[in-house]
Amino acid sequence: MAERTATIASRVGLHARPAAIFAEAAADQPLEVTIALEGEPAEDALDASSILSLMGLGAEYGTKVVLRADGEGADEVLETLARVLETDHDAA
């Protein structure tokens, strides 16, 4: 299983618009991706394509999260999604 740690760059955290953008990006990937706060067990990870799960994660600006996926191309998928999280989508 591939893993990638990312830091939430959105000033409002993983809430509303940033969560919707990330959930859509995760849903567009060919693999199932999970997300968890850094330090949480892998079995507690949530579906990265679920906006409700993302908003319930409580990830604020600067929070580190761990993305996980399994299968061919997992590293590339996780890198793509990490870039989404590491972009401030609320910047003017």
PDB file of N, CA and C in Angstrom:
ATOM      1  N   MET A   1       0.842  -1.181   0.000  1.00  0.00           N
ATOM      2  CA  MET A   1       0.000   0.000   0.000  1.00  0.00           C
ATOM      3  C   MET A   1       0.882   1.238   0.000  1.00  0.00           C
ATOM      4  N   ALA A   2       0.551   2.174  -0.872  1.00  0.00           N
ATOM      5  CA  ALA A   2       1.303   3.428  -0.962  1.00  0.00           C
ATOM      6  C   ALA A   2       0.725   4.443   0.020  1.00  0.00           C
ATOM      7  N   GLU A   3       1.604   5.281   0.544  1.00  0.00           N
ATOM      8  CA  GLU A   3       1.215   6.340   1.480  1.00  0.00           C
ATOM      9  C   GLU A   3       1.871   7.641   1.069  1.00  0.00           C
ATOM     10  N   ARG A   4       1.175   8.724   1.336  1.00  0.00           N
ATOM     11  CA  ARG A   4       1.743  10.063   1.084  1.00  0.00           C
ATOM     12  C   ARG A   4       1.198  10.996   2.158  1.00  0.00           C
ATOM     13  N   THR A   5       2.085  11.701   2.827  1.00  0.00           N
ATOM     14  CA  THR A   5       1.672  12.694   3.811  1.00  0.00           C
ATOM     15  C   THR A   5       1.565  14.041   3.120  1.00  0.00           C
ATOM     16  N   ALA A   6       0.512  14.780   3.448  1.00  0.00           N
ATOM     17  CA  ALA A   6       0.296  16.108   2.868  1.00  0.00           C
ATOM     18  C   ALA A   6      -0.108  17.060   3.987  1.00  0.00           C
ATOM     19  N   THR A   7       0.157  18.327   3.765  1.00  0.00           N
ATOM     20  CA  THR A   7      -0.195  19.367   4.732  1.00  0.00           C
ATOM     21  C   THR A   7      -1.321  20.209   4.149  1.00  0.00           C
ATOM     22  N   ILE A   8      -2.374  20.410   4.923  1.00  0.00           N
ATOM     23  CA  ILE A   8      -3.521  21.193   4.466  1.00  0.00           C
ATOM     24  C   ILE A   8      -3.094  22.647   4.292  1.00  0.00           C
ATOM     25  N   ALA A   9      -3.216  23.173   3.078  1.00  0.00           N
ATOM     26  CA  ALA A   9      -2.786  24.534   2.779  1.00  0.00           C
ATOM     27  C   ALA A   9      -3.929  25.542   2.818  1.00  0.00           C
ATOM     28  N   SER A  10      -5.157  25.060   2.746  1.00  0.00           N
ATOM     29  CA  SER A  10      -6.296  25.978   2.750  1.00  0.00           C
ATOM     30  C   SER A  10      -6.407  26.670   4.099  1.00  0.00           C
ATOM     31  N   ARG A  11      -6.564  27.981   4.060  1.00  0.00           N
ATOM     32  CA  ARG A  11      -6.649  28.755   5.302  1.00  0.00           C
ATOM     33  C   ARG A  11      -7.873  28.403   6.131  1.00  0.00           C
ATOM     34  N   VAL A  12      -8.909  27.855   5.491  1.00  0.00           N
ATOM     35  CA  VAL A  12     -10.112  27.456   6.228  1.00  0.00           C
ATOM     36  C   VAL A  12     -10.081  25.969   6.591  1.00  0.00           C
ATOM     37  N   GLY A  13      -8.971  25.319   6.305  1.00  0.00           N
ATOM     38  CA  GLY A  13      -8.858  23.895   6.575  1.00  0.00           C
ATOM     39  C   GLY A  13      -9.595  23.091   5.521  1.00  0.00           C
ATOM     40  N   LEU A  14      -9.832  21.844   5.815  1.00  0.00           N
ATOM     41  CA  LEU A  14     -10.508  20.952   4.868  1.00  0.00           C
ATOM     42  C   LEU A  14     -12.012  21.055   5.115  1.00  0.00           C
ATOM     43  N   HIS A  15     -12.566  22.192   4.747  1.00  0.00           N
ATOM     44  CA  HIS A  15     -13.962  22.493   5.008  1.00  0.00           C
ATOM     45  C   HIS A  15     -14.602  23.042   3.737  1.00  0.00           C
ATOM     46  N   ALA A  16     -15.867  22.806   3.553  1.00  0.00           N
ATOM     47  CA  ALA A  16     -16.688  23.333   2.470  1.00  0.00           C
ATOM     48  C   ALA A  16     -16.004  23.251   1.099  1.00  0.00           C
ATOM     49  N   ARG A  17     -15.614  24.389   0.553  1.00  0.00           N
ATOM     50  CA  ARG A  17     -15.089  24.411  -0.808  1.00  0.00           C
ATOM     51  C   ARG A  17     -13.832  23.558  -0.973  1.00  0.00           C
ATOM     52  N   PRO A  18     -12.809  23.685  -0.120  1.00  0.00           N
ATOM     53  CA  PRO A  18     -11.625  22.832  -0.287  1.00  0.00           C
ATOM     54  C   PRO A  18     -11.963  21.335  -0.183  1.00  0.00           C
ATOM     55  N   ALA A  19     -12.880  20.983   0.709  1.00  0.00           N
ATOM     56  CA  ALA A  19     -13.272  19.579   0.843  1.00  0.00           C
ATOM     57  C   ALA A  19     -13.978  19.096  -0.420  1.00  0.00           C
ATOM     58  N   ALA A  20     -14.831  19.940  -0.990  1.00  0.00           N
ATOM     59  CA  ALA A  20     -15.548  19.567  -2.214  1.00  0.00           C
ATOM     60  C   ALA A  20     -14.574  19.378  -3.375  1.00  0.00           C
ATOM     61  N   ILE A  21     -13.606  20.287  -3.495  1.00  0.00           N
ATOM     62  CA  ILE A  21     -12.599  20.179  -4.561  1.00  0.00           C
ATOM     63  C   ILE A  21     -11.796  18.893  -4.405  1.00  0.00           C
ATOM     64  N   PHE A  22     -11.380  18.603  -3.168  1.00  0.00           N
ATOM     65  CA  PHE A  22     -10.581  17.400  -2.939  1.00  0.00           C
ATOM     66  C   PHE A  22     -11.407  16.127  -3.146  1.00  0.00           C
ATOM     67  N   ALA A  23     -12.638  16.104  -2.653  1.00  0.00           N
ATOM     68  CA  ALA A  23     -13.500  14.922  -2.808  1.00  0.00           C
ATOM     69  C   ALA A  23     -13.725  14.610  -4.284  1.00  0.00           C
ATOM     70  N   GLU A  24     -13.940  15.646  -5.073  1.00  0.00           N
ATOM     71  CA  GLU A  24     -14.141  15.446  -6.515  1.00  0.00           C
ATOM     72  C   GLU A  24     -12.874  14.906  -7.165  1.00  0.00           C
ATOM     73  N   ALA A  25     -11.727  15.451  -6.786  1.00  0.00           N
ATOM     74  CA  ALA A  25     -10.452  14.968  -7.331  1.00  0.00           C
ATOM     75  C   ALA A  25     -10.207  13.510  -6.946  1.00  0.00           C
ATOM     76  N   ALA A  26     -10.538  13.156  -5.708  1.00  0.00           N
ATOM     77  CA  ALA A  26     -10.360  11.769  -5.253  1.00  0.00           C
ATOM     78  C   ALA A  26     -11.306  10.826  -5.991  1.00  0.00           C
ATOM     79  N   ALA A  27     -12.535  11.267  -6.208  1.00  0.00           N
ATOM     80  CA  ALA A  27     -13.519  10.430  -6.905  1.00  0.00           C
ATOM     81  C   ALA A  27     -13.132  10.199  -8.365  1.00  0.00           C
ATOM     82  N   ASP A  28     -12.387  11.134  -8.945  1.00  0.00           N
ATOM     83  CA  ASP A  28     -11.955  11.017 -10.339  1.00  0.00           C
ATOM     84  C   ASP A  28     -10.787  10.057 -10.524  1.00  0.00           C
ATOM     85  N   GLN A  29     -10.188   9.599  -9.448  1.00  0.00           N
ATOM     86  CA  GLN A  29      -9.022   8.720  -9.535  1.00  0.00           C
ATOM     87  C   GLN A  29      -9.461   7.271  -9.784  1.00  0.00           C
ATOM     88  N   PRO A  30      -8.595   6.487 -10.428  1.00  0.00           N
ATOM     89  CA  PRO A  30      -8.952   5.102 -10.731  1.00  0.00           C
ATOM     90  C   PRO A  30      -8.832   4.150  -9.536  1.00  0.00           C
ATOM     91  N   LEU A  31      -8.342   4.643  -8.407  1.00  0.00           N
ATOM     92  CA  LEU A  31      -8.161   3.812  -7.216  1.00  0.00           C
ATOM     93  C   LEU A  31      -8.941   4.404  -6.053  1.00  0.00           C
ATOM     94  N   GLU A  32      -9.297   3.556  -5.098  1.00  0.00           N
ATOM     95  CA  GLU A  32      -9.901   4.050  -3.868  1.00  0.00           C
ATOM     96  C   GLU A  32      -8.794   4.623  -2.994  1.00  0.00           C
ATOM     97  N   VAL A  33      -9.042   5.806  -2.460  1.00  0.00           N
ATOM     98  CA  VAL A  33      -8.057   6.503  -1.643  1.00  0.00           C
ATOM     99  C   VAL A  33      -8.668   6.774  -0.282  1.00  0.00           C
ATOM    100  N   THR A  34      -7.861   6.591   0.763  1.00  0.00           N
ATOM    101  CA  THR A  34      -8.314   6.922   2.112  1.00  0.00           C
ATOM    102  C   THR A  34      -7.496   8.081   2.648  1.00  0.00           C
ATOM    103  N   ILE A  35      -8.054   8.735   3.665  1.00  0.00           N
ATOM    104  CA  ILE A  35      -7.385   9.865   4.302  1.00  0.00           C
ATOM    105  C   ILE A  35      -7.543   9.738   5.807  1.00  0.00           C
ATOM    106  N   ALA A  36      -6.507  10.093   6.535  1.00  0.00           N
ATOM    107  CA  ALA A  36      -6.547  10.068   8.004  1.00  0.00           C
ATOM    108  C   ALA A  36      -5.618  11.153   8.520  1.00  0.00           C
ATOM    109  N   LEU A  37      -5.895  11.611   9.714  1.00  0.00           N
ATOM    110  CA  LEU A  37      -4.974  12.545  10.352  1.00  0.00           C
ATOM    111  C   LEU A  37      -3.665  11.804  10.612  1.00  0.00           C
ATOM    112  N   GLU A  38      -2.549  12.499  10.486  1.00  0.00           N
ATOM    113  CA  GLU A  38      -1.252  11.879  10.744  1.00  0.00           C
ATOM    114  C   GLU A  38      -1.237  11.322  12.160  1.00  0.00           C
ATOM    115  N   GLY A  39      -0.770  10.099  12.309  1.00  0.00           N
ATOM    116  CA  GLY A  39      -0.689   9.459  13.610  1.00  0.00           C
ATOM    117  C   GLY A  39      -1.863   8.553  13.929  1.00  0.00           C
ATOM    118  N   GLU A  40      -2.946   8.655  13.151  1.00  0.00           N
ATOM    119  CA  GLU A  40      -4.090   7.765  13.374  1.00  0.00           C
ATOM    120  C   GLU A  40      -3.830   6.427  12.681  1.00  0.00           C
ATOM    121  N   PRO A  41      -4.379   5.350  13.230  1.00  0.00           N
ATOM    122  CA  PRO A  41      -4.187   4.038  12.611  1.00  0.00           C
ATOM    123  C   PRO A  41      -4.822   3.972  11.216  1.00  0.00           C
ATOM    124  N   ALA A  42      -4.227   3.201  10.337  1.00  0.00           N
ATOM    125  CA  ALA A  42      -4.728   3.057   8.968  1.00  0.00           C
ATOM    126  C   ALA A  42      -6.168   2.553   8.952  1.00  0.00           C
ATOM    127  N   GLU A  43      -6.528   1.723   9.915  1.00  0.00           N
ATOM    128  CA  GLU A  43      -7.896   1.185   9.928  1.00  0.00           C
ATOM    129  C   GLU A  43      -8.943   2.240  10.282  1.00  0.00           C
ATOM    130  N   ASP A  44      -8.515   3.393  10.778  1.00  0.00           N
ATOM    131  CA  ASP A  44      -9.442   4.487  11.079  1.00  0.00           C
ATOM    132  C   ASP A  44      -9.554   5.485   9.928  1.00  0.00           C
ATOM    133  N   ALA A  45      -8.870   5.212   8.827  1.00  0.00           N
ATOM    134  CA  ALA A  45      -8.891   6.123   7.681  1.00  0.00           C
ATOM    135  C   ALA A  45     -10.286   6.174   7.061  1.00  0.00           C
ATOM    136  N   LEU A  46     -10.575   7.320   6.445  1.00  0.00           N
ATOM    137  CA  LEU A  46     -11.881   7.573   5.852  1.00  0.00           C
ATOM    138  C   LEU A  46     -11.790   7.615   4.331  1.00  0.00           C
ATOM    139  N   ASP A  47     -12.923   7.463   3.675  1.00  0.00           N
ATOM    140  CA  ASP A  47     -13.020   7.536   2.229  1.00  0.00           C
ATOM    141  C   ASP A  47     -12.701   8.966   1.782  1.00  0.00           C
ATOM    142  N   ALA A  48     -11.655   9.131   0.997  1.00  0.00           N
ATOM    143  CA  ALA A  48     -11.223  10.460   0.576  1.00  0.00           C
ATOM    144  C   ALA A  48     -12.171  11.101  -0.425  1.00  0.00           C
ATOM    145  N   SER A  49     -13.071  10.333  -1.019  1.00  0.00           N
ATOM    146  CA  SER A  49     -13.997  10.909  -1.992  1.00  0.00           C
ATOM    147  C   SER A  49     -15.322  11.324  -1.351  1.00  0.00           C
ATOM    148  N   SER A  50     -15.437  11.186  -0.039  1.00  0.00           N
ATOM    149  CA  SER A  50     -16.661  11.550   0.676  1.00  0.00           C
ATOM    150  C   SER A  50     -16.504  12.922   1.322  1.00  0.00           C
ATOM    151  N   ILE A  51     -17.264  13.890   0.832  1.00  0.00           N
ATOM    152  CA  ILE A  51     -17.163  15.240   1.389  1.00  0.00           C
ATOM    153  C   ILE A  51     -17.539  15.257   2.871  1.00  0.00           C
ATOM    154  N   LEU A  52     -18.511  14.439   3.268  1.00  0.00           N
ATOM    155  CA  LEU A  52     -18.904  14.397   4.680  1.00  0.00           C
ATOM    156  C   LEU A  52     -17.779  13.843   5.549  1.00  0.00           C
ATOM    157  N   SER A  53     -17.105  12.814   5.059  1.00  0.00           N
ATOM    158  CA  SER A  53     -15.964  12.274   5.803  1.00  0.00           C
ATOM    159  C   SER A  53     -14.852  13.308   5.916  1.00  0.00           C
ATOM    160  N   LEU A  54     -14.591  14.015   4.832  1.00  0.00           N
ATOM    161  CA  LEU A  54     -13.527  15.016   4.829  1.00  0.00           C
ATOM    162  C   LEU A  54     -13.817  16.139   5.821  1.00  0.00           C
ATOM    163  N   MET A  55     -15.039  16.623   5.820  1.00  0.00           N
ATOM    164  CA  MET A  55     -15.389  17.712   6.731  1.00  0.00           C
ATOM    165  C   MET A  55     -15.395  17.231   8.179  1.00  0.00           C
ATOM    166  N   GLY A  56     -15.759  15.967   8.394  1.00  0.00           N
ATOM    167  CA  GLY A  56     -15.758  15.387   9.730  1.00  0.00           C
ATOM    168  C   GLY A  56     -14.362  15.105  10.268  1.00  0.00           C
ATOM    169  N   LEU A  57     -13.377  15.103   9.388  1.00  0.00           N
ATOM    170  CA  LEU A  57     -11.993  14.851   9.784  1.00  0.00           C
ATOM    171  C   LEU A  57     -11.471  15.955  10.702  1.00  0.00           C
ATOM    172  N   GLY A  58     -11.977  17.161  10.504  1.00  0.00           N
ATOM    173  CA  GLY A  58     -11.552  18.282  11.352  1.00  0.00           C
ATOM    174  C   GLY A  58     -10.155  18.779  11.053  1.00  0.00           C
ATOM    175  N   ALA A  59      -9.695  18.588   9.826  1.00  0.00           N
ATOM    176  CA  ALA A  59      -8.345  19.014   9.449  1.00  0.00           C
ATOM    177  C   ALA A  59      -8.316  20.523   9.214  1.00  0.00           C
ATOM    178  N   GLU A  60      -7.529  21.215  10.010  1.00  0.00           N
ATOM    179  CA  GLU A  60      -7.391  22.663   9.899  1.00  0.00           C
ATOM    180  C   GLU A  60      -6.143  23.006   9.102  1.00  0.00           C
ATOM    181  N   TYR A  61      -5.976  24.294   8.821  1.00  0.00           N
ATOM    182  CA  TYR A  61      -4.788  24.785   8.125  1.00  0.00           C
ATOM    183  C   TYR A  61      -3.526  24.270   8.842  1.00  0.00           C
ATOM    184  N   GLY A  62      -2.617  23.701   8.077  1.00  0.00           N
ATOM    185  CA  GLY A  62      -1.354  23.212   8.637  1.00  0.00           C
ATOM    186  C   GLY A  62      -1.403  21.788   9.159  1.00  0.00           C
ATOM    187  N   THR A  63      -2.586  21.180   9.222  1.00  0.00           N
ATOM    188  CA  THR A  63      -2.715  19.800   9.692  1.00  0.00           C
ATOM    189  C   THR A  63      -2.094  18.849   8.679  1.00  0.00           C
ATOM    190  N   LYS A  64      -1.391  17.854   9.178  1.00  0.00           N
ATOM    191  CA  LYS A  64      -0.831  16.820   8.302  1.00  0.00           C
ATOM    192  C   LYS A  64      -1.808  15.650   8.239  1.00  0.00           C
ATOM    193  N   VAL A  65      -2.037  15.186   7.014  1.00  0.00           N
ATOM    194  CA  VAL A  65      -2.902  14.036   6.791  1.00  0.00           C
ATOM    195  C   VAL A  65      -2.140  12.990   5.990  1.00  0.00           C
ATOM    196  N   VAL A  66      -2.588  11.753   6.100  1.00  0.00           N
ATOM    197  CA  VAL A  66      -1.960  10.659   5.373  1.00  0.00           C
ATOM    198  C   VAL A  66      -2.965  10.110   4.371  1.00  0.00           C
ATOM    199  N   LEU A  67      -2.556  10.089   3.111  1.00  0.00           N
ATOM    200  CA  LEU A  67      -3.345   9.516   2.030  1.00  0.00           C
ATOM    201  C   LEU A  67      -2.809   8.121   1.748  1.00  0.00           C
ATOM    202  N   ARG A  68      -3.711   7.178   1.509  1.00  0.00           N
ATOM    203  CA  ARG A  68      -3.290   5.809   1.204  1.00  0.00           C
ATOM    204  C   ARG A  68      -4.102   5.263   0.036  1.00  0.00           C
ATOM    205  N   ALA A  69      -3.436   4.471  -0.800  1.00  0.00           N
ATOM    206  CA  ALA A  69      -4.100   3.793  -1.914  1.00  0.00           C
ATOM    207  C   ALA A  69      -3.313   2.540  -2.237  1.00  0.00           C
ATOM    208  N   ASP A  70      -3.998   1.594  -2.830  1.00  0.00           N
ATOM    209  CA  ASP A  70      -3.373   0.330  -3.183  1.00  0.00           C
ATOM    210  C   ASP A  70      -3.690   0.024  -4.640  1.00  0.00           C
ATOM    211  N   GLY A  71      -2.686  -0.364  -5.382  1.00  0.00           N
ATOM    212  CA  GLY A  71      -2.907  -0.748  -6.773  1.00  0.00           C
ATOM    213  C   GLY A  71      -1.928  -0.071  -7.703  1.00  0.00           C
ATOM    214  N   GLU A  72      -2.028  -0.421  -8.966  1.00  0.00           N
ATOM    215  CA  GLU A  72      -1.140   0.127  -9.978  1.00  0.00           C
ATOM    216  C   GLU A  72      -1.358   1.631 -10.109  1.00  0.00           C
ATOM    217  N   GLY A  73      -0.268   2.371 -10.049  1.00  0.00           N
ATOM    218  CA  GLY A  73      -0.338   3.819 -10.173  1.00  0.00           C
ATOM    219  C   GLY A  73      -0.663   4.541  -8.879  1.00  0.00           C
ATOM    220  N   ALA A  74      -0.628   3.836  -7.750  1.00  0.00           N
ATOM    221  CA  ALA A  74      -1.009   4.437  -6.471  1.00  0.00           C
ATOM    222  C   ALA A  74      -0.130   5.635  -6.119  1.00  0.00           C
ATOM    223  N   ASP A  75       1.163   5.540  -6.348  1.00  0.00           N
ATOM    224  CA  ASP A  75       2.056   6.653  -6.002  1.00  0.00           C
ATOM    225  C   ASP A  75       1.685   7.916  -6.778  1.00  0.00           C
ATOM    226  N   GLU A  76       1.382   7.765  -8.057  1.00  0.00           N
ATOM    227  CA  GLU A  76       1.017   8.911  -8.883  1.00  0.00           C
ATOM    228  C   GLU A  76      -0.316   9.512  -8.436  1.00  0.00           C
ATOM    229  N   VAL A  77      -1.274   8.651  -8.121  1.00  0.00           N
ATOM    230  CA  VAL A  77      -2.582   9.105  -7.640  1.00  0.00           C
ATOM    231  C   VAL A  77      -2.416   9.915  -6.358  1.00  0.00           C
ATOM    232  N   LEU A  78      -1.640   9.388  -5.427  1.00  0.00           N
ATOM    233  CA  LEU A  78      -1.452  10.071  -4.154  1.00  0.00           C
ATOM    234  C   LEU A  78      -0.716  11.393  -4.334  1.00  0.00           C
ATOM    235  N   GLU A  79       0.235  11.435  -5.227  1.00  0.00           N
ATOM    236  CA  GLU A  79       0.963  12.678  -5.498  1.00  0.00           C
ATOM    237  C   GLU A  79       0.009  13.737  -6.060  1.00  0.00           C
ATOM    238  N   THR A  80      -0.843  13.327  -6.973  1.00  0.00           N
ATOM    239  CA  THR A  80      -1.831  14.240  -7.558  1.00  0.00           C
ATOM    240  C   THR A  80      -2.749  14.803  -6.478  1.00  0.00           C
ATOM    241  N   LEU A  81      -3.249  13.937  -5.613  1.00  0.00           N
ATOM    242  CA  LEU A  81      -4.171  14.375  -4.569  1.00  0.00           C
ATOM    243  C   LEU A  81      -3.458  15.207  -3.507  1.00  0.00           C
ATOM    244  N   ALA A  82      -2.218  14.896  -3.214  1.00  0.00           N
ATOM    245  CA  ALA A  82      -1.464  15.694  -2.248  1.00  0.00           C
ATOM    246  C   ALA A  82      -1.306  17.123  -2.751  1.00  0.00           C
ATOM    247  N   ARG A  83      -1.083  17.282  -4.054  1.00  0.00           N
ATOM    248  CA  ARG A  83      -0.970  18.634  -4.622  1.00  0.00           C
ATOM    249  C   ARG A  83      -2.269  19.415  -4.442  1.00  0.00           C
ATOM    250  N   VAL A  84      -3.400  18.735  -4.541  1.00  0.00           N
ATOM    251  CA  VAL A  84      -4.693  19.404  -4.326  1.00  0.00           C
ATOM    252  C   VAL A  84      -4.769  19.918  -2.889  1.00  0.00           C
ATOM    253  N   LEU A  85      -4.392  19.086  -1.936  1.00  0.00           N
ATOM    254  CA  LEU A  85      -4.446  19.489  -0.526  1.00  0.00           C
ATOM    255  C   LEU A  85      -3.441  20.586  -0.207  1.00  0.00           C
ATOM    256  N   GLU A  86      -2.332  20.601  -0.904  1.00  0.00           N
ATOM    257  CA  GLU A  86      -1.266  21.538  -0.603  1.00  0.00           C
ATOM    258  C   GLU A  86      -1.389  22.845  -1.392  1.00  0.00           C
ATOM    259  N   THR A  87      -2.571  23.062  -1.973  1.00  0.00           N
ATOM    260  CA  THR A  87      -2.890  24.296  -2.675  1.00  0.00           C
ATOM    261  C   THR A  87      -3.985  25.010  -1.909  1.00  0.00           C
ATOM    262  N   ASP A  88      -3.819  26.311  -1.681  1.00  0.00           N
ATOM    263  CA  ASP A  88      -4.841  27.088  -0.980  1.00  0.00           C
ATOM    264  C   ASP A  88      -5.887  27.511  -1.996  1.00  0.00           C
ATOM    265  N   HIS A  89      -6.996  26.788  -2.049  1.00  0.00           N
ATOM    266  CA  HIS A  89      -8.065  27.054  -3.014  1.00  0.00           C
ATOM    267  C   HIS A  89      -8.885  28.280  -2.649  1.00  0.00           C
ATOM    268  N   ASP A  90      -8.669  28.842  -1.480  1.00  0.00           N
ATOM    269  CA  ASP A  90      -9.405  30.041  -1.063  1.00  0.00           C
ATOM    270  C   ASP A  90      -8.572  31.288  -1.255  1.00  0.00           C
ATOM    271  N   ALA A  91      -7.357  31.138  -1.792  1.00  0.00           N
ATOM    272  CA  ALA A  91      -6.506  32.313  -1.997  1.00  0.00           C
ATOM    273  C   ALA A  91      -7.123  33.199  -3.084  1.00  0.00           C
ATOM    274  N   ALA A  92      -7.039  34.478  -2.873  1.00  0.00           N
ATOM    275  CA  ALA A  92      -7.628  35.420  -3.841  1.00  0.00           C
ATOM    276  C   ALA A  92      -6.740  35.615  -5.041  1.00  0.00           C
TER     277      ALA A  92
END
